[in-house]
Amino acid sequence: MTTPSSSETPLMCRRNADGQVVAVTRQVLSDEDVRAGGWEVASAADPGLQAFLRDVSGKSQLLSQTDAGLARVLEDLIDVLINRGLIQFTDLPEAAQGKLLDRRQTRASMANRLELLPDDSDSLRL
């Protein structure tokens, strides 16, 4: 028996008592699971489904927006720990070392290309 591809598998949704979509799946469900779970076939044009997907997408974007800032905080924290001698760069797993080196090299090359304004140490004194 072959499993249907996602294009053949209908999109299923569950709604709350107010009729709002609260869950979506492409998982193949048995007829029993569909009945017991209150699942129904959803149309991509369904405004309730579209609202659900916009809400989920918006929430994941909020997390993504903070990821870059948090990554920079962690890089700075690692630098502080190394500079204070609390850890050594080589204490980090090789994968982490590689990622940190890649980011440092990328940031350095971007700083050279994108230096549009002088930093405070280069500012002109009147």
PDB file of N, CA and C in Angstrom:
ATOM      1  N   MET A   1       0.850  -1.185   0.000  1.00  0.00           N
ATOM      2  CA  MET A   1       0.000   0.000   0.000  1.00  0.00           C
ATOM      3  C   MET A   1       0.888   1.238   0.000  1.00  0.00           C
ATOM      4  N   THR A   2       0.601   2.206  -0.851  1.00  0.00           N
ATOM      5  CA  THR A   2       1.401   3.418  -0.915  1.00  0.00           C
ATOM      6  C   THR A   2       0.713   4.527  -0.158  1.00  0.00           C
ATOM      7  N   THR A   3       1.534   5.392   0.425  1.00  0.00           N
ATOM      8  CA  THR A   3       1.014   6.547   1.154  1.00  0.00           C
ATOM      9  C   THR A   3       0.778   7.669   0.168  1.00  0.00           C
ATOM     10  N   PRO A   4      -0.357   8.333   0.202  1.00  0.00           N
ATOM     11  CA  PRO A   4      -0.611   9.416  -0.742  1.00  0.00           C
ATOM     12  C   PRO A   4       0.363  10.562  -0.497  1.00  0.00           C
ATOM     13  N   SER A   5       0.706  11.275  -1.562  1.00  0.00           N
ATOM     14  CA  SER A   5       1.573  12.441  -1.403  1.00  0.00           C
ATOM     15  C   SER A   5       0.773  13.563  -0.772  1.00  0.00           C
ATOM     16  N   SER A   6       1.494  14.596  -0.290  1.00  0.00           N
ATOM     17  CA  SER A   6       0.795  15.694   0.391  1.00  0.00           C
ATOM     18  C   SER A   6      -0.180  16.400  -0.532  1.00  0.00           C
ATOM     19  N   SER A   7       0.065  16.380  -1.866  1.00  0.00           N
ATOM     20  CA  SER A   7      -0.871  17.031  -2.777  1.00  0.00           C
ATOM     21  C   SER A   7      -2.161  16.219  -2.900  1.00  0.00           C
ATOM     22  N   GLU A   8      -2.099  14.889  -2.615  1.00  0.00           N
ATOM     23  CA  GLU A   8      -3.281  14.045  -2.669  1.00  0.00           C
ATOM     24  C   GLU A   8      -3.989  13.986  -1.315  1.00  0.00           C
ATOM     25  N   THR A   9      -3.264  14.271  -0.253  1.00  0.00           N
ATOM     26  CA  THR A   9      -3.823  14.209   1.091  1.00  0.00           C
ATOM     27  C   THR A   9      -4.604  15.481   1.357  1.00  0.00           C
ATOM     28  N   PRO A  10      -5.878  15.347   1.695  1.00  0.00           N
ATOM     29  CA  PRO A  10      -6.654  16.570   1.942  1.00  0.00           C
ATOM     30  C   PRO A  10      -6.186  17.281   3.209  1.00  0.00           C
ATOM     31  N   LEU A  11      -6.301  18.558   3.202  1.00  0.00           N
ATOM     32  CA  LEU A  11      -6.003  19.367   4.375  1.00  0.00           C
ATOM     33  C   LEU A  11      -7.196  19.227   5.308  1.00  0.00           C
ATOM     34  N   MET A  12      -6.922  18.852   6.559  1.00  0.00           N
ATOM     35  CA  MET A  12      -7.988  18.647   7.542  1.00  0.00           C
ATOM     36  C   MET A  12      -7.875  19.713   8.626  1.00  0.00           C
ATOM     37  N   CYS A  13      -9.007  20.155   9.142  1.00  0.00           N
ATOM     38  CA  CYS A  13      -8.974  21.135  10.228  1.00  0.00           C
ATOM     39  C   CYS A  13      -9.974  20.756  11.309  1.00  0.00           C
ATOM     40  N   ARG A  14      -9.719  21.315  12.495  1.00  0.00           N
ATOM     41  CA  ARG A  14     -10.644  21.191  13.624  1.00  0.00           C
ATOM     42  C   ARG A  14     -11.054  22.591  14.011  1.00  0.00           C
ATOM     43  N   ARG A  15     -12.268  22.726  14.451  1.00  0.00           N
ATOM     44  CA  ARG A  15     -12.800  24.033  14.854  1.00  0.00           C
ATOM     45  C   ARG A  15     -13.257  23.979  16.313  1.00  0.00           C
ATOM     46  N   ASN A  16     -13.213  25.151  16.956  1.00  0.00           N
ATOM     47  CA  ASN A  16     -13.727  25.227  18.325  1.00  0.00           C
ATOM     48  C   ASN A  16     -15.238  25.460  18.286  1.00  0.00           C
ATOM     49  N   ALA A  17     -15.852  25.654  19.441  1.00  0.00           N
ATOM     50  CA  ALA A  17     -17.303  25.826  19.518  1.00  0.00           C
ATOM     51  C   ALA A  17     -17.781  27.066  18.770  1.00  0.00           C
ATOM     52  N   ASP A  18     -16.886  28.045  18.605  1.00  0.00           N
ATOM     53  CA  ASP A  18     -17.244  29.271  17.878  1.00  0.00           C
ATOM     54  C   ASP A  18     -17.031  29.142  16.378  1.00  0.00           C
ATOM     55  N   GLY A  19     -16.570  27.983  15.930  1.00  0.00           N
ATOM     56  CA  GLY A  19     -16.343  27.768  14.506  1.00  0.00           C
ATOM     57  C   GLY A  19     -14.988  28.225  14.001  1.00  0.00           C
ATOM     58  N   GLN A  20     -14.110  28.650  14.918  1.00  0.00           N
ATOM     59  CA  GLN A  20     -12.770  29.091  14.520  1.00  0.00           C
ATOM     60  C   GLN A  20     -11.856  27.877  14.365  1.00  0.00           C
ATOM     61  N   VAL A  21     -11.012  27.909  13.322  1.00  0.00           N
ATOM     62  CA  VAL A  21     -10.056  26.832  13.103  1.00  0.00           C
ATOM     63  C   VAL A  21      -9.016  26.885  14.214  1.00  0.00           C
ATOM     64  N   VAL A  22      -8.789  25.737  14.861  1.00  0.00           N
ATOM     65  CA  VAL A  22      -7.827  25.668  15.961  1.00  0.00           C
ATOM     66  C   VAL A  22      -6.709  24.663  15.710  1.00  0.00           C
ATOM     67  N   ALA A  23      -6.840  23.850  14.652  1.00  0.00           N
ATOM     68  CA  ALA A  23      -5.805  22.878  14.314  1.00  0.00           C
ATOM     69  C   ALA A  23      -5.928  22.526  12.843  1.00  0.00           C
ATOM     70  N   VAL A  24      -4.771  22.248  12.233  1.00  0.00           N
ATOM     71  CA  VAL A  24      -4.729  21.875  10.821  1.00  0.00           C
ATOM     72  C   VAL A  24      -3.733  20.735  10.675  1.00  0.00           C
ATOM     73  N   THR A  25      -4.045  19.781   9.809  1.00  0.00           N
ATOM     74  CA  THR A  25      -3.121  18.679   9.546  1.00  0.00           C
ATOM     75  C   THR A  25      -3.266  18.193   8.117  1.00  0.00           C
ATOM     76  N   ARG A  26      -2.174  17.615   7.610  1.00  0.00           N
ATOM     77  CA  ARG A  26      -2.204  16.885   6.343  1.00  0.00           C
ATOM     78  C   ARG A  26      -2.019  15.394   6.613  1.00  0.00           C
ATOM     79  N   GLN A  27      -1.915  15.053   7.890  1.00  0.00           N
ATOM     80  CA  GLN A  27      -1.724  13.661   8.278  1.00  0.00           C
ATOM     81  C   GLN A  27      -2.920  12.840   7.804  1.00  0.00           C
ATOM     82  N   VAL A  28      -2.632  11.663   7.298  1.00  0.00           N
ATOM     83  CA  VAL A  28      -3.700  10.762   6.880  1.00  0.00           C
ATOM     84  C   VAL A  28      -4.380  10.234   8.136  1.00  0.00           C
ATOM     85  N   LEU A  29      -5.671  10.487   8.239  1.00  0.00           N
ATOM     86  CA  LEU A  29      -6.442  10.079   9.416  1.00  0.00           C
ATOM     87  C   LEU A  29      -7.433   8.991   9.038  1.00  0.00           C
ATOM     88  N   SER A  30      -7.654   8.097   9.955  1.00  0.00           N
ATOM     89  CA  SER A  30      -8.678   7.069   9.728  1.00  0.00           C
ATOM     90  C   SER A  30     -10.048   7.726   9.870  1.00  0.00           C
ATOM     91  N   ASP A  31     -11.053   7.073   9.320  1.00  0.00           N
ATOM     92  CA  ASP A  31     -12.419   7.594   9.449  1.00  0.00           C
ATOM     93  C   ASP A  31     -12.806   7.738  10.910  1.00  0.00           C
ATOM     94  N   GLU A  32     -12.340   6.793  11.720  1.00  0.00           N
ATOM     95  CA  GLU A  32     -12.637   6.830  13.159  1.00  0.00           C
ATOM     96  C   GLU A  32     -11.995   8.069  13.802  1.00  0.00           C
ATOM     97  N   ASP A  33     -10.724   8.353  13.452  1.00  0.00           N
ATOM     98  CA  ASP A  33     -10.039   9.530  14.002  1.00  0.00           C
ATOM     99  C   ASP A  33     -10.719  10.830  13.563  1.00  0.00           C
ATOM    100  N   VAL A  34     -11.182  10.836  12.317  1.00  0.00           N
ATOM    101  CA  VAL A  34     -11.861  12.026  11.803  1.00  0.00           C
ATOM    102  C   VAL A  34     -13.117  12.292  12.620  1.00  0.00           C
ATOM    103  N   ARG A  35     -13.921  11.266  12.825  1.00  0.00           N
ATOM    104  CA  ARG A  35     -15.166  11.433  13.585  1.00  0.00           C
ATOM    105  C   ARG A  35     -14.881  11.772  15.051  1.00  0.00           C
ATOM    106  N   ALA A  36     -13.965  11.024  15.671  1.00  0.00           N
ATOM    107  CA  ALA A  36     -13.683  11.212  17.096  1.00  0.00           C
ATOM    108  C   ALA A  36     -13.032  12.559  17.371  1.00  0.00           C
ATOM    109  N   GLY A  37     -12.204  13.023  16.448  1.00  0.00           N
ATOM    110  CA  GLY A  37     -11.475  14.268  16.673  1.00  0.00           C
ATOM    111  C   GLY A  37     -12.169  15.509  16.153  1.00  0.00           C
ATOM    112  N   GLY A  38     -13.286  15.324  15.482  1.00  0.00           N
ATOM    113  CA  GLY A  38     -14.003  16.479  14.951  1.00  0.00           C
ATOM    114  C   GLY A  38     -13.299  17.105  13.752  1.00  0.00           C
ATOM    115  N   TRP A  39     -12.533  16.313  13.019  1.00  0.00           N
ATOM    116  CA  TRP A  39     -11.801  16.817  11.854  1.00  0.00           C
ATOM    117  C   TRP A  39     -12.737  16.939  10.670  1.00  0.00           C
ATOM    118  N   GLU A  40     -12.458  17.896   9.812  1.00  0.00           N
ATOM    119  CA  GLU A  40     -13.214  18.061   8.574  1.00  0.00           C
ATOM    120  C   GLU A  40     -12.247  18.477   7.471  1.00  0.00           C
ATOM    121  N   VAL A  41     -12.613  18.165   6.237  1.00  0.00           N
ATOM    122  CA  VAL A  41     -11.793  18.582   5.099  1.00  0.00           C
ATOM    123  C   VAL A  41     -11.887  20.098   5.005  1.00  0.00           C
ATOM    124  N   ALA A  42     -10.734  20.731   4.841  1.00  0.00           N
ATOM    125  CA  ALA A  42     -10.697  22.200   4.773  1.00  0.00           C
ATOM    126  C   ALA A  42     -10.372  22.640   3.359  1.00  0.00           C
ATOM    127  N   SER A  43     -10.997  23.702   2.961  1.00  0.00           N
ATOM    128  CA  SER A  43     -10.704  24.314   1.671  1.00  0.00           C
ATOM    129  C   SER A  43      -9.669  25.408   1.881  1.00  0.00           C
ATOM    130  N   ALA A  44      -8.707  25.510   0.967  1.00  0.00           N
ATOM    131  CA  ALA A  44      -7.688  26.556   1.074  1.00  0.00           C
ATOM    132  C   ALA A  44      -8.317  27.942   1.029  1.00  0.00           C
ATOM    133  N   ALA A  45      -9.502  28.052   0.456  1.00  0.00           N
ATOM    134  CA  ALA A  45     -10.179  29.350   0.351  1.00  0.00           C
ATOM    135  C   ALA A  45     -10.980  29.692   1.607  1.00  0.00           C
ATOM    136  N   ASP A  46     -11.066  28.773   2.555  1.00  0.00           N
ATOM    137  CA  ASP A  46     -11.833  28.992   3.780  1.00  0.00           C
ATOM    138  C   ASP A  46     -11.243  30.173   4.559  1.00  0.00           C
ATOM    139  N   PRO A  47     -12.026  31.239   4.798  1.00  0.00           N
ATOM    140  CA  PRO A  47     -11.507  32.401   5.533  1.00  0.00           C
ATOM    141  C   PRO A  47     -11.027  32.048   6.938  1.00  0.00           C
ATOM    142  N   GLY A  48     -11.666  31.073   7.580  1.00  0.00           N
ATOM    143  CA  GLY A  48     -11.243  30.652   8.912  1.00  0.00           C
ATOM    144  C   GLY A  48      -9.880  29.994   8.879  1.00  0.00           C
ATOM    145  N   LEU A  49      -9.633  29.185   7.852  1.00  0.00           N
ATOM    146  CA  LEU A  49      -8.334  28.549   7.689  1.00  0.00           C
ATOM    147  C   LEU A  49      -7.278  29.603   7.384  1.00  0.00           C
ATOM    148  N   GLN A  50      -7.584  30.539   6.525  1.00  0.00           N
ATOM    149  CA  GLN A  50      -6.628  31.603   6.198  1.00  0.00           C
ATOM    150  C   GLN A  50      -6.280  32.435   7.428  1.00  0.00           C
ATOM    151  N   ALA A  51      -7.278  32.736   8.260  1.00  0.00           N
ATOM    152  CA  ALA A  51      -7.026  33.498   9.487  1.00  0.00           C
ATOM    153  C   ALA A  51      -6.126  32.701  10.439  1.00  0.00           C
ATOM    154  N   PHE A  52      -6.374  31.402  10.558  1.00  0.00           N
ATOM    155  CA  PHE A  52      -5.557  30.541  11.410  1.00  0.00           C
ATOM    156  C   PHE A  52      -4.102  30.548  10.932  1.00  0.00           C
ATOM    157  N   LEU A  53      -3.893  30.379   9.635  1.00  0.00           N
ATOM    158  CA  LEU A  53      -2.540  30.341   9.086  1.00  0.00           C
ATOM    159  C   LEU A  53      -1.829  31.682   9.248  1.00  0.00           C
ATOM    160  N   ARG A  54      -2.549  32.786   9.078  1.00  0.00           N
ATOM    161  CA  ARG A  54      -1.943  34.115   9.305  1.00  0.00           C
ATOM    162  C   ARG A  54      -1.527  34.271  10.763  1.00  0.00           C
ATOM    163  N   ASP A  55      -2.371  33.808  11.685  1.00  0.00           N
ATOM    164  CA  ASP A  55      -2.070  33.913  13.112  1.00  0.00           C
ATOM    165  C   ASP A  55      -0.837  33.098  13.476  1.00  0.00           C
ATOM    166  N   VAL A  56      -0.779  31.855  12.995  1.00  0.00           N
ATOM    167  CA  VAL A  56       0.364  30.983  13.275  1.00  0.00           C
ATOM    168  C   VAL A  56       1.631  31.575  12.665  1.00  0.00           C
ATOM    169  N   SER A  57       1.530  32.048  11.446  1.00  0.00           N
ATOM    170  CA  SER A  57       2.689  32.629  10.756  1.00  0.00           C
ATOM    171  C   SER A  57       3.181  33.876  11.487  1.00  0.00           C
ATOM    172  N   GLY A  58       2.260  34.708  11.934  1.00  0.00           N
ATOM    173  CA  GLY A  58       2.643  35.920  12.652  1.00  0.00           C
ATOM    174  C   GLY A  58       3.374  35.630  13.943  1.00  0.00           C
ATOM    175  N   LYS A  59       2.923  34.605  14.659  1.00  0.00           N
ATOM    176  CA  LYS A  59       3.575  34.252  15.921  1.00  0.00           C
ATOM    177  C   LYS A  59       4.975  33.707  15.684  1.00  0.00           C
ATOM    178  N   SER A  60       5.147  32.909  14.637  1.00  0.00           N
ATOM    179  CA  SER A  60       6.483  32.373  14.369  1.00  0.00           C
ATOM    180  C   SER A  60       7.411  33.484  13.898  1.00  0.00           C
ATOM    181  N   GLN A  61       6.878  34.503  13.217  1.00  0.00           N
ATOM    182  CA  GLN A  61       7.708  35.632  12.795  1.00  0.00           C
ATOM    183  C   GLN A  61       8.195  36.427  14.003  1.00  0.00           C
ATOM    184  N   LEU A  62       7.372  36.533  15.038  1.00  0.00           N
ATOM    185  CA  LEU A  62       7.800  37.236  16.248  1.00  0.00           C
ATOM    186  C   LEU A  62       9.019  36.559  16.854  1.00  0.00           C
ATOM    187  N   LEU A  63       9.009  35.243  16.906  1.00  0.00           N
ATOM    188  CA  LEU A  63      10.167  34.511  17.431  1.00  0.00           C
ATOM    189  C   LEU A  63      11.372  34.690  16.516  1.00  0.00           C
ATOM    190  N   SER A  64      11.152  34.603  15.221  1.00  0.00           N
ATOM    191  CA  SER A  64      12.259  34.745  14.270  1.00  0.00           C
ATOM    192  C   SER A  64      12.902  36.120  14.378  1.00  0.00           C
ATOM    193  N   GLN A  65      12.090  37.146  14.611  1.00  0.00           N
ATOM    194  CA  GLN A  65      12.622  38.499  14.711  1.00  0.00           C
ATOM    195  C   GLN A  65      13.553  38.644  15.914  1.00  0.00           C
ATOM    196  N   THR A  66      13.303  37.911  16.972  1.00  0.00           N
ATOM    197  CA  THR A  66      14.159  38.010  18.148  1.00  0.00           C
ATOM    198  C   THR A  66      15.367  37.088  18.074  1.00  0.00           C
ATOM    199  N   ASP A  67      15.330  36.096  17.170  1.00  0.00           N
ATOM    200  CA  ASP A  67      16.431  35.142  17.059  1.00  0.00           C
ATOM    201  C   ASP A  67      17.761  35.814  16.739  1.00  0.00           C
ATOM    202  N   ALA A  68      17.765  36.731  15.782  1.00  0.00           N
ATOM    203  CA  ALA A  68      19.015  37.384  15.389  1.00  0.00           C
ATOM    204  C   ALA A  68      19.599  38.176  16.558  1.00  0.00           C
ATOM    205  N   GLY A  69      18.762  38.888  17.288  1.00  0.00           N
ATOM    206  CA  GLY A  69      19.236  39.647  18.436  1.00  0.00           C
ATOM    207  C   GLY A  69      19.776  38.748  19.529  1.00  0.00           C
ATOM    208  N   LEU A  70      19.083  37.647  19.759  1.00  0.00           N
ATOM    209  CA  LEU A  70      19.538  36.710  20.785  1.00  0.00           C
ATOM    210  C   LEU A  70      20.851  36.051  20.369  1.00  0.00           C
ATOM    211  N   ALA A  71      20.991  35.744  19.081  1.00  0.00           N
ATOM    212  CA  ALA A  71      22.248  35.158  18.605  1.00  0.00           C
ATOM    213  C   ALA A  71      23.403  36.112  18.871  1.00  0.00           C
ATOM    214  N   ARG A  72      23.177  37.399  18.651  1.00  0.00           N
ATOM    215  CA  ARG A  72      24.248  38.379  18.900  1.00  0.00           C
ATOM    216  C   ARG A  72      24.568  38.471  20.390  1.00  0.00           C
ATOM    217  N   VAL A  73      23.560  38.404  21.235  1.00  0.00           N
ATOM    218  CA  VAL A  73      23.782  38.414  22.686  1.00  0.00           C
ATOM    219  C   VAL A  73      24.627  37.208  23.093  1.00  0.00           C
ATOM    220  N   LEU A  74      24.298  36.038  22.551  1.00  0.00           N
ATOM    221  CA  LEU A  74      25.063  34.837  22.888  1.00  0.00           C
ATOM    222  C   LEU A  74      26.503  34.932  22.400  1.00  0.00           C
ATOM    223  N   GLU A  75      26.702  35.491  21.207  1.00  0.00           N
ATOM    224  CA  GLU A  75      28.067  35.686  20.709  1.00  0.00           C
ATOM    225  C   GLU A  75      28.852  36.599  21.643  1.00  0.00           C
ATOM    226  N   ASP A  76      28.224  37.696  22.045  1.00  0.00           N
ATOM    227  CA  ASP A  76      28.885  38.638  22.953  1.00  0.00           C
ATOM    228  C   ASP A  76      29.186  37.981  24.296  1.00  0.00           C
ATOM    229  N   LEU A  77      28.259  37.178  24.796  1.00  0.00           N
ATOM    230  CA  LEU A  77      28.458  36.478  26.063  1.00  0.00           C
ATOM    231  C   LEU A  77      29.644  35.516  25.958  1.00  0.00           C
ATOM    232  N   ILE A  78      29.711  34.784  24.870  1.00  0.00           N
ATOM    233  CA  ILE A  78      30.838  33.865  24.670  1.00  0.00           C
ATOM    234  C   ILE A  78      32.148  34.642  24.633  1.00  0.00           C
ATOM    235  N   ASP A  79      32.158  35.787  23.942  1.00  0.00           N
ATOM    236  CA  ASP A  79      33.370  36.606  23.887  1.00  0.00           C
ATOM    237  C   ASP A  79      33.786  37.079  25.276  1.00  0.00           C
ATOM    238  N   VAL A  80      32.824  37.494  26.098  1.00  0.00           N
ATOM    239  CA  VAL A  80      33.129  37.949  27.457  1.00  0.00           C
ATOM    240  C   VAL A  80      33.723  36.800  28.278  1.00  0.00           C
ATOM    241  N   LEU A  81      33.115  35.632  28.184  1.00  0.00           N
ATOM    242  CA  LEU A  81      33.616  34.480  28.940  1.00  0.00           C
ATOM    243  C   LEU A  81      35.033  34.103  28.509  1.00  0.00           C
ATOM    244  N   ILE A  82      35.293  34.163  27.205  1.00  0.00           N
ATOM    245  CA  ILE A  82      36.634  33.851  26.702  1.00  0.00           C
ATOM    246  C   ILE A  82      37.629  34.919  27.155  1.00  0.00           C
ATOM    247  N   ASN A  83      37.263  36.190  27.018  1.00  0.00           N
ATOM    248  CA  ASN A  83      38.159  37.286  27.389  1.00  0.00           C
ATOM    249  C   ASN A  83      38.483  37.291  28.881  1.00  0.00           C
ATOM    250  N   ARG A  84      37.564  36.833  29.705  1.00  0.00           N
ATOM    251  CA  ARG A  84      37.810  36.768  31.150  1.00  0.00           C
ATOM    252  C   ARG A  84      38.498  35.465  31.558  1.00  0.00           C
ATOM    253  N   GLY A  85      38.742  34.605  30.595  1.00  0.00           N
ATOM    254  CA  GLY A  85      39.438  33.354  30.874  1.00  0.00           C
ATOM    255  C   GLY A  85      38.581  32.306  31.551  1.00  0.00           C
ATOM    256  N   LEU A  86      37.271  32.477  31.515  1.00  0.00           N
ATOM    257  CA  LEU A  86      36.379  31.508  32.158  1.00  0.00           C
ATOM    258  C   LEU A  86      36.177  30.271  31.293  1.00  0.00           C
ATOM    259  N   ILE A  87      36.262  30.449  29.993  1.00  0.00           N
ATOM    260  CA  ILE A  87      36.234  29.318  29.072  1.00  0.00           C
ATOM    261  C   ILE A  87      37.262  29.592  27.980  1.00  0.00           C
ATOM    262  N   GLN A  88      37.607  28.553  27.263  1.00  0.00           N
ATOM    263  CA  GLN A  88      38.465  28.710  26.101  1.00  0.00           C
ATOM    264  C   GLN A  88      37.633  28.405  24.868  1.00  0.00           C
ATOM    265  N   PHE A  89      37.991  29.050  23.775  1.00  0.00           N
ATOM    266  CA  PHE A  89      37.273  28.832  22.527  1.00  0.00           C
ATOM    267  C   PHE A  89      37.232  27.348  22.187  1.00  0.00           C
ATOM    268  N   THR A  90      38.316  26.660  22.463  1.00  0.00           N
ATOM    269  CA  THR A  90      38.399  25.233  22.140  1.00  0.00           C
ATOM    270  C   THR A  90      37.553  24.363  23.072  1.00  0.00           C
ATOM    271  N   ASP A  91      37.013  24.947  24.156  1.00  0.00           N
ATOM    272  CA  ASP A  91      36.091  24.208  25.019  1.00  0.00           C
ATOM    273  C   ASP A  91      34.747  23.985  24.321  1.00  0.00           C
ATOM    274  N   LEU A  92      34.448  24.816  23.347  1.00  0.00           N
ATOM    275  CA  LEU A  92      33.178  24.715  22.634  1.00  0.00           C
ATOM    276  C   LEU A  92      33.233  23.550  21.651  1.00  0.00           C
ATOM    277  N   PRO A  93      32.104  22.936  21.372  1.00  0.00           N
ATOM    278  CA  PRO A  93      32.082  21.866  20.356  1.00  0.00           C
ATOM    279  C   PRO A  93      32.555  22.416  19.007  1.00  0.00           C
ATOM    280  N   GLU A  94      33.139  21.542  18.191  1.00  0.00           N
ATOM    281  CA  GLU A  94      33.669  21.974  16.899  1.00  0.00           C
ATOM    282  C   GLU A  94      32.608  22.662  16.041  1.00  0.00           C
ATOM    283  N   ALA A  95      31.402  22.146  16.068  1.00  0.00           N
ATOM    284  CA  ALA A  95      30.333  22.756  15.270  1.00  0.00           C
ATOM    285  C   ALA A  95      30.077  24.197  15.725  1.00  0.00           C
ATOM    286  N   ALA A  96      30.071  24.424  17.028  1.00  0.00           N
ATOM    287  CA  ALA A  96      29.862  25.783  17.552  1.00  0.00           C
ATOM    288  C   ALA A  96      31.038  26.682  17.188  1.00  0.00           C
ATOM    289  N   GLN A  97      32.253  26.159  17.275  1.00  0.00           N
ATOM    290  CA  GLN A  97      33.430  26.939  16.889  1.00  0.00           C
ATOM    291  C   GLN A  97      33.317  27.382  15.432  1.00  0.00           C
ATOM    292  N   GLY A  98      32.940  26.451  14.572  1.00  0.00           N
ATOM    293  CA  GLY A  98      32.812  26.761  13.152  1.00  0.00           C
ATOM    294  C   GLY A  98      31.766  27.825  12.885  1.00  0.00           C
ATOM    295  N   LYS A  99      30.631  27.715  13.558  1.00  0.00           N
ATOM    296  CA  LYS A  99      29.559  28.698  13.363  1.00  0.00           C
ATOM    297  C   LYS A  99      29.989  30.072  13.852  1.00  0.00           C
ATOM    298  N   LEU A 100      30.648  30.115  15.003  1.00  0.00           N
ATOM    299  CA  LEU A 100      31.117  31.402  15.523  1.00  0.00           C
ATOM    300  C   LEU A 100      32.156  32.027  14.598  1.00  0.00           C
ATOM    301  N   LEU A 101      33.079  31.217  14.104  1.00  0.00           N
ATOM    302  CA  LEU A 101      34.092  31.743  13.174  1.00  0.00           C
ATOM    303  C   LEU A 101      33.452  32.243  11.885  1.00  0.00           C
ATOM    304  N   ASP A 102      32.485  31.495  11.362  1.00  0.00           N
ATOM    305  CA  ASP A 102      31.790  31.920  10.147  1.00  0.00           C
ATOM    306  C   ASP A 102      31.093  33.262  10.351  1.00  0.00           C
ATOM    307  N   ARG A 103      30.408  33.404  11.480  1.00  0.00           N
ATOM    308  CA  ARG A 103      29.696  34.664  11.753  1.00  0.00           C
ATOM    309  C   ARG A 103      30.674  35.817  11.934  1.00  0.00           C
ATOM    310  N   ARG A 104      31.778  35.570  12.617  1.00  0.00           N
ATOM    311  CA  ARG A 104      32.778  36.628  12.802  1.00  0.00           C
ATOM    312  C   ARG A 104      33.356  37.066  11.464  1.00  0.00           C
ATOM    313  N   GLN A 105      33.667  36.097  10.600  1.00  0.00           N
ATOM    314  CA  GLN A 105      34.217  36.430   9.284  1.00  0.00           C
ATOM    315  C   GLN A 105      33.191  37.172   8.439  1.00  0.00           C
ATOM    316  N   THR A 106      31.952  36.736   8.479  1.00  0.00           N
ATOM    317  CA  THR A 106      30.898  37.404   7.717  1.00  0.00           C
ATOM    318  C   THR A 106      30.690  38.826   8.221  1.00  0.00           C
ATOM    319  N   ARG A 107      30.646  38.986   9.544  1.00  0.00           N
ATOM    320  CA  ARG A 107      30.451  40.316  10.115  1.00  0.00           C
ATOM    321  C   ARG A 107      31.625  41.227   9.765  1.00  0.00           C
ATOM    322  N   ALA A 108      32.850  40.698   9.800  1.00  0.00           N
ATOM    323  CA  ALA A 108      34.031  41.502   9.474  1.00  0.00           C
ATOM    324  C   ALA A 108      34.011  41.933   8.011  1.00  0.00           C
ATOM    325  N   SER A 109      33.651  41.010   7.122  1.00  0.00           N
ATOM    326  CA  SER A 109      33.614  41.380   5.706  1.00  0.00           C
ATOM    327  C   SER A 109      32.501  42.382   5.430  1.00  0.00           C
ATOM    328  N   MET A 110      31.367  42.242   6.114  1.00  0.00           N
ATOM    329  CA  MET A 110      30.271  43.200   5.938  1.00  0.00           C
ATOM    330  C   MET A 110      30.654  44.557   6.503  1.00  0.00           C
ATOM    331  N   ALA A 111      31.346  44.574   7.603  1.00  0.00           N
ATOM    332  CA  ALA A 111      31.759  45.844   8.210  1.00  0.00           C
ATOM    333  C   ALA A 111      32.689  46.600   7.264  1.00  0.00           C
ATOM    334  N   ASN A 112      33.559  45.878   6.574  1.00  0.00           N
ATOM    335  CA  ASN A 112      34.462  46.521   5.622  1.00  0.00           C
ATOM    336  C   ASN A 112      33.707  47.085   4.432  1.00  0.00           C
ATOM    337  N   ARG A 113      32.682  46.385   3.976  1.00  0.00           N
ATOM    338  CA  ARG A 113      31.923  46.816   2.812  1.00  0.00           C
ATOM    339  C   ARG A 113      30.883  47.865   3.139  1.00  0.00           C
ATOM    340  N   LEU A 114      30.329  47.803   4.335  1.00  0.00           N
ATOM    341  CA  LEU A 114      29.183  48.631   4.669  1.00  0.00           C
ATOM    342  C   LEU A 114      29.503  49.786   5.606  1.00  0.00           C
ATOM    343  N   GLU A 115      30.747  50.099   5.800  1.00  0.00           N
ATOM    344  CA  GLU A 115      31.090  51.168   6.723  1.00  0.00           C
ATOM    345  C   GLU A 115      30.725  52.507   6.096  1.00  0.00           C
ATOM    346  N   LEU A 116      29.512  52.945   6.370  1.00  0.00           N
ATOM    347  CA  LEU A 116      29.004  54.178   5.798  1.00  0.00           C
ATOM    348  C   LEU A 116      29.260  55.367   6.713  1.00  0.00           C
ATOM    349  N   LEU A 117      29.196  55.115   7.994  1.00  0.00           N
ATOM    350  CA  LEU A 117      29.421  56.165   8.985  1.00  0.00           C
ATOM    351  C   LEU A 117      30.579  55.753   9.875  1.00  0.00           C
ATOM    352  N   PRO A 118      31.412  56.697  10.270  1.00  0.00           N
ATOM    353  CA  PRO A 118      32.507  56.334  11.168  1.00  0.00           C
ATOM    354  C   PRO A 118      31.955  55.967  12.538  1.00  0.00           C
ATOM    355  N   ASP A 119      32.669  55.067  13.249  1.00  0.00           N
ATOM    356  CA  ASP A 119      32.238  54.768  14.606  1.00  0.00           C
ATOM    357  C   ASP A 119      32.685  55.912  15.511  1.00  0.00           C
ATOM    358  N   ASP A 120      32.351  55.878  16.779  1.00  0.00           N
ATOM    359  CA  ASP A 120      32.610  56.962  17.712  1.00  0.00           C
ATOM    360  C   ASP A 120      34.103  57.320  17.778  1.00  0.00           C
ATOM    361  N   SER A 121      34.970  56.342  17.661  1.00  0.00           N
ATOM    362  CA  SER A 121      36.394  56.610  17.777  1.00  0.00           C
ATOM    363  C   SER A 121      36.923  57.364  16.567  1.00  0.00           C
ATOM    364  N   ASP A 122      36.187  57.314  15.444  1.00  0.00           N
ATOM    365  CA  ASP A 122      36.610  57.995  14.236  1.00  0.00           C
ATOM    366  C   ASP A 122      35.913  59.347  14.055  1.00  0.00           C
ATOM    367  N   SER A 123      35.042  59.708  14.984  1.00  0.00           N
ATOM    368  CA  SER A 123      34.250  60.925  14.783  1.00  0.00           C
ATOM    369  C   SER A 123      35.152  62.159  14.824  1.00  0.00           C
ATOM    370  N   LEU A 124      34.721  63.128  14.091  1.00  0.00           N
ATOM    371  CA  LEU A 124      35.470  64.384  14.026  1.00  0.00           C
ATOM    372  C   LEU A 124      35.251  65.193  15.289  1.00  0.00           C
ATOM    373  N   ARG A 125      36.287  65.835  15.737  1.00  0.00           N
ATOM    374  CA  ARG A 125      36.174  66.676  16.932  1.00  0.00           C
ATOM    375  C   ARG A 125      36.192  68.125  16.496  1.00  0.00           C
ATOM    376  N   LEU A 126      35.286  68.862  17.024  1.00  0.00           N
ATOM    377  CA  LEU A 126      35.212  70.291  16.684  1.00  0.00           C
ATOM    378  C   LEU A 126      35.940  71.139  17.686  1.00  0.00           C
TER     379      LEU A 126
END
